[in-house]
Amino acid sequence: MSKKVCFIYQNEDYVLDGMRSALGLAVENMYAYAAVTTEIAELDEYNKENLEWIRDMEGEVFSNIQANCDKNDMTPITLEELGKQIREMDIVVPYGTY
C-alpha cells in the first residue's frame, strides 16, 4: 500500500534538495507532497520540471507564501489548510530545519 508523505520546507537553502527527495519518493510509488513555508527565488527550468513531475506522480507542491505561488506555480494553501492536509499524511518530514 502506498504511503502519503509530506515534506515541510522552512529553510530556503533546502527547498530544492527537498523537492528532489519528494520526487524520489513519488517514483518509489508513494504519494509525495511538499509544503514551502519560506519565500524562495524563481525556480530554474530543471526544478520547474521536478515540480511538474511531482504533480504527474499524483503529488503536489504547496506554499503559504503568495510570491512562491506567483513565481513558481505552486498551489496556494493557508496554514489552517496545511494543518488539515498534514493530518491526512502517513509520514511528515520537517526537511532542513535549523
PDB file of N, CA and C in Angstrom:
ATOM      1  N   MET A   1       0.839  -1.181   0.000  1.00  0.00           N
ATOM      2  CA  MET A   1       0.000   0.000   0.000  1.00  0.00           C
ATOM      3  C   MET A   1       0.883   1.242   0.000  1.00  0.00           C
ATOM      4  N   SER A   2       0.554   2.186  -0.830  1.00  0.00           N
ATOM      5  CA  SER A   2       1.309   3.429  -0.929  1.00  0.00           C
ATOM      6  C   SER A   2       1.051   4.326   0.269  1.00  0.00           C
ATOM      7  N   LYS A   3       2.098   4.976   0.733  1.00  0.00           N
ATOM      8  CA  LYS A   3       2.009   5.906   1.858  1.00  0.00           C
ATOM      9  C   LYS A   3       1.921   7.334   1.325  1.00  0.00           C
ATOM     10  N   LYS A   4       1.311   8.201   2.133  1.00  0.00           N
ATOM     11  CA  LYS A   4       1.278   9.627   1.842  1.00  0.00           C
ATOM     12  C   LYS A   4       2.343  10.292   2.695  1.00  0.00           C
ATOM     13  N   VAL A   5       3.238  11.024   2.025  1.00  0.00           N
ATOM     14  CA  VAL A   5       4.351  11.674   2.708  1.00  0.00           C
ATOM     15  C   VAL A   5       4.326  13.167   2.395  1.00  0.00           C
ATOM     16  N   CYS A   6       4.472  13.985   3.422  1.00  0.00           N
ATOM     17  CA  CYS A   6       4.527  15.426   3.229  1.00  0.00           C
ATOM     18  C   CYS A   6       5.849  15.960   3.767  1.00  0.00           C
ATOM     19  N   PHE A   7       6.601  16.622   2.903  1.00  0.00           N
ATOM     20  CA  PHE A   7       7.813  17.320   3.291  1.00  0.00           C
ATOM     21  C   PHE A   7       7.456  18.766   3.587  1.00  0.00           C
ATOM     22  N   ILE A   8       7.967  19.296   4.689  1.00  0.00           N
ATOM     23  CA  ILE A   8       7.743  20.701   5.016  1.00  0.00           C
ATOM     24  C   ILE A   8       9.096  21.397   4.997  1.00  0.00           C
ATOM     25  N   TYR A   9       9.206  22.418   4.149  1.00  0.00           N
ATOM     26  CA  TYR A   9      10.461  23.140   3.991  1.00  0.00           C
ATOM     27  C   TYR A   9      10.323  24.515   4.638  1.00  0.00           C
ATOM     28  N   GLN A  10      11.150  24.754   5.673  1.00  0.00           N
ATOM     29  CA  GLN A  10      11.136  26.027   6.375  1.00  0.00           C
ATOM     30  C   GLN A  10      12.351  26.881   6.039  1.00  0.00           C
ATOM     31  N   ASN A  11      13.345  26.298   5.422  1.00  0.00           N
ATOM     32  CA  ASN A  11      14.602  26.966   5.151  1.00  0.00           C
ATOM     33  C   ASN A  11      14.832  26.959   3.642  1.00  0.00           C
ATOM     34  N   GLU A  12      14.977  28.137   3.051  1.00  0.00           N
ATOM     35  CA  GLU A  12      15.095  28.225   1.597  1.00  0.00           C
ATOM     36  C   GLU A  12      16.298  27.462   1.046  1.00  0.00           C
ATOM     37  N   ASP A  13      17.321  27.256   1.868  1.00  0.00           N
ATOM     38  CA  ASP A  13      18.515  26.541   1.410  1.00  0.00           C
ATOM     39  C   ASP A  13      18.249  25.059   1.125  1.00  0.00           C
ATOM     40  N   TYR A  14      17.167  24.520   1.636  1.00  0.00           N
ATOM     41  CA  TYR A  14      16.889  23.093   1.493  1.00  0.00           C
ATOM     42  C   TYR A  14      15.696  22.765   0.600  1.00  0.00           C
ATOM     43  N   VAL A  15      15.046  23.773   0.064  1.00  0.00           N
ATOM     44  CA  VAL A  15      13.818  23.534  -0.708  1.00  0.00           C
ATOM     45  C   VAL A  15      14.095  22.697  -1.957  1.00  0.00           C
ATOM     46  N   LEU A  16      15.094  23.059  -2.726  1.00  0.00           N
ATOM     47  CA  LEU A  16      15.338  22.349  -3.991  1.00  0.00           C
ATOM     48  C   LEU A  16      15.762  20.903  -3.755  1.00  0.00           C
ATOM     49  N   ASP A  17      16.644  20.692  -2.794  1.00  0.00           N
ATOM     50  CA  ASP A  17      17.058  19.331  -2.450  1.00  0.00           C
ATOM     51  C   ASP A  17      15.859  18.534  -1.921  1.00  0.00           C
ATOM     52  N   GLY A  18      15.045  19.182  -1.127  1.00  0.00           N
ATOM     53  CA  GLY A  18      13.862  18.523  -0.589  1.00  0.00           C
ATOM     54  C   GLY A  18      12.851  18.152  -1.660  1.00  0.00           C
ATOM     55  N   MET A  19      12.715  19.003  -2.674  1.00  0.00           N
ATOM     56  CA  MET A  19      11.801  18.667  -3.770  1.00  0.00           C
ATOM     57  C   MET A  19      12.291  17.437  -4.524  1.00  0.00           C
ATOM     58  N   ARG A  20      13.605  17.305  -4.672  1.00  0.00           N
ATOM     59  CA  ARG A  20      14.152  16.101  -5.316  1.00  0.00           C
ATOM     60  C   ARG A  20      13.869  14.869  -4.468  1.00  0.00           C
ATOM     61  N   SER A  21      13.933  15.020  -3.155  1.00  0.00           N
ATOM     62  CA  SER A  21      13.603  13.903  -2.262  1.00  0.00           C
ATOM     63  C   SER A  21      12.137  13.511  -2.397  1.00  0.00           C
ATOM     64  N   ALA A  22      11.264  14.501  -2.471  1.00  0.00           N
ATOM     65  CA  ALA A  22       9.833  14.218  -2.661  1.00  0.00           C
ATOM     66  C   ALA A  22       9.610  13.505  -3.990  1.00  0.00           C
ATOM     67  N   LEU A  23      10.281  13.959  -5.021  1.00  0.00           N
ATOM     68  CA  LEU A  23      10.159  13.314  -6.326  1.00  0.00           C
ATOM     69  C   LEU A  23      10.663  11.876  -6.266  1.00  0.00           C
ATOM     70  N   GLY A  24      11.754  11.645  -5.545  1.00  0.00           N
ATOM     71  CA  GLY A  24      12.274  10.291  -5.402  1.00  0.00           C
ATOM     72  C   GLY A  24      11.267   9.357  -4.752  1.00  0.00           C
ATOM     73  N   LEU A  25      10.560   9.841  -3.739  1.00  0.00           N
ATOM     74  CA  LEU A  25       9.528   9.008  -3.109  1.00  0.00           C
ATOM     75  C   LEU A  25       8.358   8.768  -4.053  1.00  0.00           C
ATOM     76  N   ALA A  26       8.027   9.768  -4.844  1.00  0.00           N
ATOM     77  CA  ALA A  26       6.937   9.592  -5.818  1.00  0.00           C
ATOM     78  C   ALA A  26       7.286   8.501  -6.819  1.00  0.00           C
ATOM     79  N   VAL A  27       8.539   8.463  -7.225  1.00  0.00           N
ATOM     80  CA  VAL A  27       8.999   7.430  -8.150  1.00  0.00           C
ATOM     81  C   VAL A  27       8.915   6.052  -7.493  1.00  0.00           C
ATOM     82  N   GLU A  28       9.078   6.013  -6.170  1.00  0.00           N
ATOM     83  CA  GLU A  28       9.010   4.755  -5.422  1.00  0.00           C
ATOM     84  C   GLU A  28       7.573   4.388  -5.041  1.00  0.00           C
ATOM     85  N   ASN A  29       6.610   4.952  -5.744  1.00  0.00           N
ATOM     86  CA  ASN A  29       5.198   4.612  -5.577  1.00  0.00           C
ATOM     87  C   ASN A  29       4.607   5.102  -4.252  1.00  0.00           C
ATOM     88  N   MET A  30       5.052   6.261  -3.802  1.00  0.00           N
ATOM     89  CA  MET A  30       4.435   6.915  -2.658  1.00  0.00           C
ATOM     90  C   MET A  30       3.799   8.209  -3.139  1.00  0.00           C
ATOM     91  N   TYR A  31       2.807   8.675  -2.418  1.00  0.00           N
ATOM     92  CA  TYR A  31       2.200   9.961  -2.731  1.00  0.00           C
ATOM     93  C   TYR A  31       2.997  11.024  -2.001  1.00  0.00           C
ATOM     94  N   ALA A  32       3.713  11.863  -2.747  1.00  0.00           N
ATOM     95  CA  ALA A  32       4.607  12.851  -2.153  1.00  0.00           C
ATOM     96  C   ALA A  32       4.019  14.249  -2.288  1.00  0.00           C
ATOM     97  N   TYR A  33       4.011  14.948  -1.174  1.00  0.00           N
ATOM     98  CA  TYR A  33       3.544  16.322  -1.125  1.00  0.00           C
ATOM     99  C   TYR A  33       4.653  17.173  -0.522  1.00  0.00           C
ATOM    100  N   ALA A  34       4.671  18.444  -0.877  1.00  0.00           N
ATOM    101  CA  ALA A  34       5.670  19.359  -0.343  1.00  0.00           C
ATOM    102  C   ALA A  34       4.978  20.653   0.050  1.00  0.00           C
ATOM    103  N   ALA A  35       5.418  21.217   1.169  1.00  0.00           N
ATOM    104  CA  ALA A  35       4.883  22.497   1.639  1.00  0.00           C
ATOM    105  C   ALA A  35       6.054  23.445   1.856  1.00  0.00           C
ATOM    106  N   VAL A  36       6.096  24.515   1.072  1.00  0.00           N
ATOM    107  CA  VAL A  36       7.164  25.502   1.159  1.00  0.00           C
ATOM    108  C   VAL A  36       6.642  26.651   2.016  1.00  0.00           C
ATOM    109  N   THR A  37       7.247  26.841   3.187  1.00  0.00           N
ATOM    110  CA  THR A  37       6.759  27.851   4.125  1.00  0.00           C
ATOM    111  C   THR A  37       7.713  29.034   4.255  1.00  0.00           C
ATOM    112  N   THR A  38       8.595  29.180   3.283  1.00  0.00           N
ATOM    113  CA  THR A  38       9.516  30.312   3.227  1.00  0.00           C
ATOM    114  C   THR A  38       9.603  30.780   1.781  1.00  0.00           C
ATOM    115  N   GLU A  39       9.856  32.057   1.587  1.00  0.00           N
ATOM    116  CA  GLU A  39       9.942  32.559   0.216  1.00  0.00           C
ATOM    117  C   GLU A  39      11.233  32.095  -0.436  1.00  0.00           C
ATOM    118  N   ILE A  40      11.112  31.681  -1.701  1.00  0.00           N
ATOM    119  CA  ILE A  40      12.273  31.235  -2.465  1.00  0.00           C
ATOM    120  C   ILE A  40      12.343  32.012  -3.772  1.00  0.00           C
ATOM    121  N   ALA A  41      13.506  31.970  -4.404  1.00  0.00           N
ATOM    122  CA  ALA A  41      13.698  32.621  -5.703  1.00  0.00           C
ATOM    123  C   ALA A  41      12.947  31.843  -6.777  1.00  0.00           C
ATOM    124  N   GLU A  42      12.842  32.446  -7.932  1.00  0.00           N
ATOM    125  CA  GLU A  42      12.189  31.765  -9.049  1.00  0.00           C
ATOM    126  C   GLU A  42      12.977  30.515  -9.415  1.00  0.00           C
ATOM    127  N   LEU A  43      12.263  29.430  -9.656  1.00  0.00           N
ATOM    128  CA  LEU A  43      12.894  28.157  -9.992  1.00  0.00           C
ATOM    129  C   LEU A  43      13.473  28.186 -11.394  1.00  0.00           C
ATOM    130  N   ASP A  44      14.594  27.490 -11.578  1.00  0.00           N
ATOM    131  CA  ASP A  44      15.140  27.335 -12.920  1.00  0.00           C
ATOM    132  C   ASP A  44      14.365  26.222 -13.635  1.00  0.00           C
ATOM    133  N   GLU A  45      14.682  25.999 -14.890  1.00  0.00           N
ATOM    134  CA  GLU A  45      13.942  25.020 -15.701  1.00  0.00           C
ATOM    135  C   GLU A  45      13.995  23.620 -15.106  1.00  0.00           C
ATOM    136  N   TYR A  46      15.168  23.206 -14.643  1.00  0.00           N
ATOM    137  CA  TYR A  46      15.340  21.872 -14.064  1.00  0.00           C
ATOM    138  C   TYR A  46      14.390  21.669 -12.880  1.00  0.00           C
ATOM    139  N   ASN A  47      14.337  22.632 -11.986  1.00  0.00           N
ATOM    140  CA  ASN A  47      13.500  22.493 -10.795  1.00  0.00           C
ATOM    141  C   ASN A  47      12.014  22.684 -11.098  1.00  0.00           C
ATOM    142  N   LYS A  48      11.699  23.455 -12.124  1.00  0.00           N
ATOM    143  CA  LYS A  48      10.296  23.549 -12.579  1.00  0.00           C
ATOM    144  C   LYS A  48       9.831  22.187 -13.094  1.00  0.00           C
ATOM    145  N   GLU A  49      10.718  21.496 -13.798  1.00  0.00           N
ATOM    146  CA  GLU A  49      10.386  20.149 -14.279  1.00  0.00           C
ATOM    147  C   GLU A  49      10.188  19.196 -13.107  1.00  0.00           C
ATOM    148  N   ASN A  50      11.021  19.299 -12.072  1.00  0.00           N
ATOM    149  CA  ASN A  50      10.845  18.453 -10.885  1.00  0.00           C
ATOM    150  C   ASN A  50       9.485  18.692 -10.248  1.00  0.00           C
ATOM    151  N   LEU A  51       9.089  19.964 -10.145  1.00  0.00           N
ATOM    152  CA  LEU A  51       7.782  20.298  -9.587  1.00  0.00           C
ATOM    153  C   LEU A  51       6.667  19.657 -10.411  1.00  0.00           C
ATOM    154  N   GLU A  52       6.777  19.753 -11.720  1.00  0.00           N
ATOM    155  CA  GLU A  52       5.764  19.157 -12.599  1.00  0.00           C
ATOM    156  C   GLU A  52       5.757  17.634 -12.498  1.00  0.00           C
ATOM    157  N   TRP A  53       6.915  17.025 -12.338  1.00  0.00           N
ATOM    158  CA  TRP A  53       6.972  15.563 -12.191  1.00  0.00           C
ATOM    159  C   TRP A  53       6.287  15.116 -10.915  1.00  0.00           C
ATOM    160  N   ILE A  54       6.452  15.887  -9.837  1.00  0.00           N
ATOM    161  CA  ILE A  54       5.750  15.554  -8.594  1.00  0.00           C
ATOM    162  C   ILE A  54       4.255  15.544  -8.858  1.00  0.00           C
ATOM    163  N   ARG A  55       3.766  16.519  -9.582  1.00  0.00           N
ATOM    164  CA  ARG A  55       2.330  16.574  -9.926  1.00  0.00           C
ATOM    165  C   ARG A  55       1.927  15.412 -10.831  1.00  0.00           C
ATOM    166  N   ASP A  56       2.786  15.091 -11.792  1.00  0.00           N
ATOM    167  CA  ASP A  56       2.494  13.977 -12.692  1.00  0.00           C
ATOM    168  C   ASP A  56       2.370  12.658 -11.928  1.00  0.00           C
ATOM    169  N   MET A  57       3.069  12.563 -10.790  1.00  0.00           N
ATOM    170  CA  MET A  57       3.042  11.348  -9.978  1.00  0.00           C
ATOM    171  C   MET A  57       1.968  11.437  -8.885  1.00  0.00           C
ATOM    172  N   GLU A  58       0.983  12.310  -9.080  1.00  0.00           N
ATOM    173  CA  GLU A  58      -0.174  12.480  -8.195  1.00  0.00           C
ATOM    174  C   GLU A  58       0.163  13.129  -6.860  1.00  0.00           C
ATOM    175  N   GLY A  59       1.238  13.904  -6.818  1.00  0.00           N
ATOM    176  CA  GLY A  59       1.584  14.672  -5.634  1.00  0.00           C
ATOM    177  C   GLY A  59       1.280  16.144  -5.865  1.00  0.00           C
ATOM    178  N   GLU A  60       1.773  16.989  -4.979  1.00  0.00           N
ATOM    179  CA  GLU A  60       1.540  18.423  -5.119  1.00  0.00           C
ATOM    180  C   GLU A  60       2.599  19.189  -4.332  1.00  0.00           C
ATOM    181  N   VAL A  61       2.861  20.424  -4.769  1.00  0.00           N
ATOM    182  CA  VAL A  61       3.759  21.338  -4.066  1.00  0.00           C
ATOM    183  C   VAL A  61       2.934  22.552  -3.671  1.00  0.00           C
ATOM    184  N   PHE A  62       2.798  22.756  -2.362  1.00  0.00           N
ATOM    185  CA  PHE A  62       2.005  23.844  -1.807  1.00  0.00           C
ATOM    186  C   PHE A  62       2.916  24.928  -1.260  1.00  0.00           C
ATOM    187  N   SER A  63       2.365  26.130  -1.109  1.00  0.00           N
ATOM    188  CA  SER A  63       3.066  27.185  -0.389  1.00  0.00           C
ATOM    189  C   SER A  63       2.046  28.128   0.230  1.00  0.00           C
ATOM    190  N   ASN A  64       2.363  28.576   1.432  1.00  0.00           N
ATOM    191  CA  ASN A  64       1.527  29.574   2.078  1.00  0.00           C
ATOM    192  C   ASN A  64       2.044  30.984   1.792  1.00  0.00           C
ATOM    193  N   ILE A  65       3.071  31.092   0.951  1.00  0.00           N
ATOM    194  CA  ILE A  65       3.648  32.370   0.545  1.00  0.00           C
ATOM    195  C   ILE A  65       3.161  32.676  -0.872  1.00  0.00           C
ATOM    196  N   GLN A  66       2.394  33.733  -1.024  1.00  0.00           N
ATOM    197  CA  GLN A  66       1.803  34.051  -2.324  1.00  0.00           C
ATOM    198  C   GLN A  66       2.876  34.277  -3.394  1.00  0.00           C
ATOM    199  N   ALA A  67       4.008  34.867  -3.034  1.00  0.00           N
ATOM    200  CA  ALA A  67       5.071  35.109  -4.021  1.00  0.00           C
ATOM    201  C   ALA A  67       5.561  33.797  -4.636  1.00  0.00           C
ATOM    202  N   ASN A  68       5.655  32.729  -3.849  1.00  0.00           N
ATOM    203  CA  ASN A  68       6.053  31.420  -4.391  1.00  0.00           C
ATOM    204  C   ASN A  68       5.026  30.901  -5.382  1.00  0.00           C
ATOM    205  N   CYS A  69       3.772  31.115  -5.069  1.00  0.00           N
ATOM    206  CA  CYS A  69       2.696  30.655  -5.949  1.00  0.00           C
ATOM    207  C   CYS A  69       2.739  31.419  -7.279  1.00  0.00           C
ATOM    208  N   ASP A  70       2.995  32.719  -7.193  1.00  0.00           N
ATOM    209  CA  ASP A  70       3.040  33.550  -8.397  1.00  0.00           C
ATOM    210  C   ASP A  70       4.272  33.246  -9.253  1.00  0.00           C
ATOM    211  N   LYS A  71       5.452  33.155  -8.638  1.00  0.00           N
ATOM    212  CA  LYS A  71       6.709  32.966  -9.376  1.00  0.00           C
ATOM    213  C   LYS A  71       6.911  31.533  -9.838  1.00  0.00           C
ATOM    214  N   ASN A  72       6.465  30.579  -9.024  1.00  0.00           N
ATOM    215  CA  ASN A  72       6.848  29.185  -9.249  1.00  0.00           C
ATOM    216  C   ASN A  72       5.676  28.244  -9.475  1.00  0.00           C
ATOM    217  N   ASP A  73       4.510  28.792  -9.647  1.00  0.00           N
ATOM    218  CA  ASP A  73       3.318  27.990  -9.943  1.00  0.00           C
ATOM    219  C   ASP A  73       3.046  26.922  -8.878  1.00  0.00           C
ATOM    220  N   MET A  74       3.298  27.282  -7.622  1.00  0.00           N
ATOM    221  CA  MET A  74       2.948  26.379  -6.524  1.00  0.00           C
ATOM    222  C   MET A  74       1.486  26.582  -6.167  1.00  0.00           C
ATOM    223  N   THR A  75       0.888  25.593  -5.579  1.00  0.00           N
ATOM    224  CA  THR A  75      -0.517  25.661  -5.206  1.00  0.00           C
ATOM    225  C   THR A  75      -0.645  26.399  -3.878  1.00  0.00           C
ATOM    226  N   PRO A  76      -1.455  27.469  -3.844  1.00  0.00           N
ATOM    227  CA  PRO A  76      -1.603  28.210  -2.584  1.00  0.00           C
ATOM    228  C   PRO A  76      -2.329  27.388  -1.525  1.00  0.00           C
ATOM    229  N   ILE A  77      -1.897  27.580  -0.267  1.00  0.00           N
ATOM    230  CA  ILE A  77      -2.526  26.893   0.852  1.00  0.00           C
ATOM    231  C   ILE A  77      -2.371  27.787   2.082  1.00  0.00           C
ATOM    232  N   THR A  78      -3.383  27.837   2.915  1.00  0.00           N
ATOM    233  CA  THR A  78      -3.259  28.569   4.176  1.00  0.00           C
ATOM    234  C   THR A  78      -2.660  27.635   5.221  1.00  0.00           C
ATOM    235  N   LEU A  79      -2.201  28.206   6.318  1.00  0.00           N
ATOM    236  CA  LEU A  79      -1.651  27.366   7.387  1.00  0.00           C
ATOM    237  C   LEU A  79      -2.721  26.442   7.964  1.00  0.00           C
ATOM    238  N   GLU A  80      -3.954  26.923   8.032  1.00  0.00           N
ATOM    239  CA  GLU A  80      -5.048  26.079   8.538  1.00  0.00           C
ATOM    240  C   GLU A  80      -5.289  24.894   7.597  1.00  0.00           C
ATOM    241  N   GLU A  81      -5.288  25.165   6.292  1.00  0.00           N
ATOM    242  CA  GLU A  81      -5.470  24.084   5.316  1.00  0.00           C
ATOM    243  C   GLU A  81      -4.294  23.116   5.348  1.00  0.00           C
ATOM    244  N   LEU A  82      -3.092  23.652   5.539  1.00  0.00           N
ATOM    245  CA  LEU A  82      -1.907  22.800   5.639  1.00  0.00           C
ATOM    246  C   LEU A  82      -2.014  21.879   6.849  1.00  0.00           C
ATOM    247  N   GLY A  83      -2.512  22.407   7.961  1.00  0.00           N
ATOM    248  CA  GLY A  83      -2.708  21.582   9.152  1.00  0.00           C
ATOM    249  C   GLY A  83      -3.651  20.422   8.880  1.00  0.00           C
ATOM    250  N   LYS A  84      -4.730  20.677   8.151  1.00  0.00           N
ATOM    251  CA  LYS A  84      -5.670  19.606   7.789  1.00  0.00           C
ATOM    252  C   LYS A  84      -5.002  18.591   6.864  1.00  0.00           C
ATOM    253  N   GLN A  85      -4.210  19.103   5.913  1.00  0.00           N
ATOM    254  CA  GLN A  85      -3.517  18.229   4.962  1.00  0.00           C
ATOM    255  C   GLN A  85      -2.534  17.312   5.697  1.00  0.00           C
ATOM    256  N   ILE A  86      -1.822  17.863   6.666  1.00  0.00           N
ATOM    257  CA  ILE A  86      -0.831  17.083   7.417  1.00  0.00           C
ATOM    258  C   ILE A  86      -1.496  15.946   8.182  1.00  0.00           C
ATOM    259  N   ARG A  87      -2.683  16.187   8.701  1.00  0.00           N
ATOM    260  CA  ARG A  87      -3.382  15.136   9.455  1.00  0.00           C
ATOM    261  C   ARG A  87      -3.743  13.934   8.574  1.00  0.00           C
ATOM    262  N   GLU A  88      -3.793  14.137   7.269  1.00  0.00           N
ATOM    263  CA  GLU A  88      -4.122  13.056   6.336  1.00  0.00           C
ATOM    264  C   GLU A  88      -2.893  12.253   5.915  1.00  0.00           C
ATOM    265  N   MET A  89      -1.712  12.701   6.304  1.00  0.00           N
ATOM    266  CA  MET A  89      -0.461  12.071   5.883  1.00  0.00           C
ATOM    267  C   MET A  89      -0.104  10.893   6.784  1.00  0.00           C
ATOM    268  N   ASP A  90       0.584   9.931   6.198  1.00  0.00           N
ATOM    269  CA  ASP A  90       1.140   8.829   6.973  1.00  0.00           C
ATOM    270  C   ASP A  90       2.478   9.229   7.593  1.00  0.00           C
ATOM    271  N   ILE A  91       3.244  10.031   6.856  1.00  0.00           N
ATOM    272  CA  ILE A  91       4.573  10.452   7.306  1.00  0.00           C
ATOM    273  C   ILE A  91       4.722  11.946   7.022  1.00  0.00           C
ATOM    274  N   VAL A  92       5.255  12.692   8.001  1.00  0.00           N
ATOM    275  CA  VAL A  92       5.548  14.116   7.830  1.00  0.00           C
ATOM    276  C   VAL A  92       7.038  14.319   8.090  1.00  0.00           C
ATOM    277  N   VAL A  93       7.716  14.965   7.147  1.00  0.00           N
ATOM    278  CA  VAL A  93       9.152  15.169   7.251  1.00  0.00           C
ATOM    279  C   VAL A  93       9.448  16.665   7.303  1.00  0.00           C
ATOM    280  N   PRO A  94       9.877  17.175   8.460  1.00  0.00           N
ATOM    281  CA  PRO A  94      10.323  18.575   8.531  1.00  0.00           C
ATOM    282  C   PRO A  94      11.734  18.662   7.945  1.00  0.00           C
ATOM    283  N   TYR A  95      11.838  18.986   6.686  1.00  0.00           N
ATOM    284  CA  TYR A  95      13.087  18.867   5.930  1.00  0.00           C
ATOM    285  C   TYR A  95      13.938  20.128   6.072  1.00  0.00           C
ATOM    286  N   GLY A  96      15.195  19.961   6.451  1.00  0.00           N
ATOM    287  CA  GLY A  96      16.129  21.073   6.503  1.00  0.00           C
ATOM    288  C   GLY A  96      15.832  22.077   7.588  1.00  0.00           C
ATOM    289  N   THR A  97      15.410  21.592   8.746  1.00  0.00           N
ATOM    290  CA  THR A  97      15.129  22.514   9.838  1.00  0.00           C
ATOM    291  C   THR A  97      16.422  23.058  10.402  1.00  0.00           C
ATOM    292  N   TYR A  98      16.321  24.114  11.108  1.00  0.00           N
ATOM    293  CA  TYR A  98      17.501  24.817  11.652  1.00  0.00           C
ATOM    294  C   TYR A  98      18.153  23.997  12.731  1.00  0.00           C
TER     295      TYR A  98
END
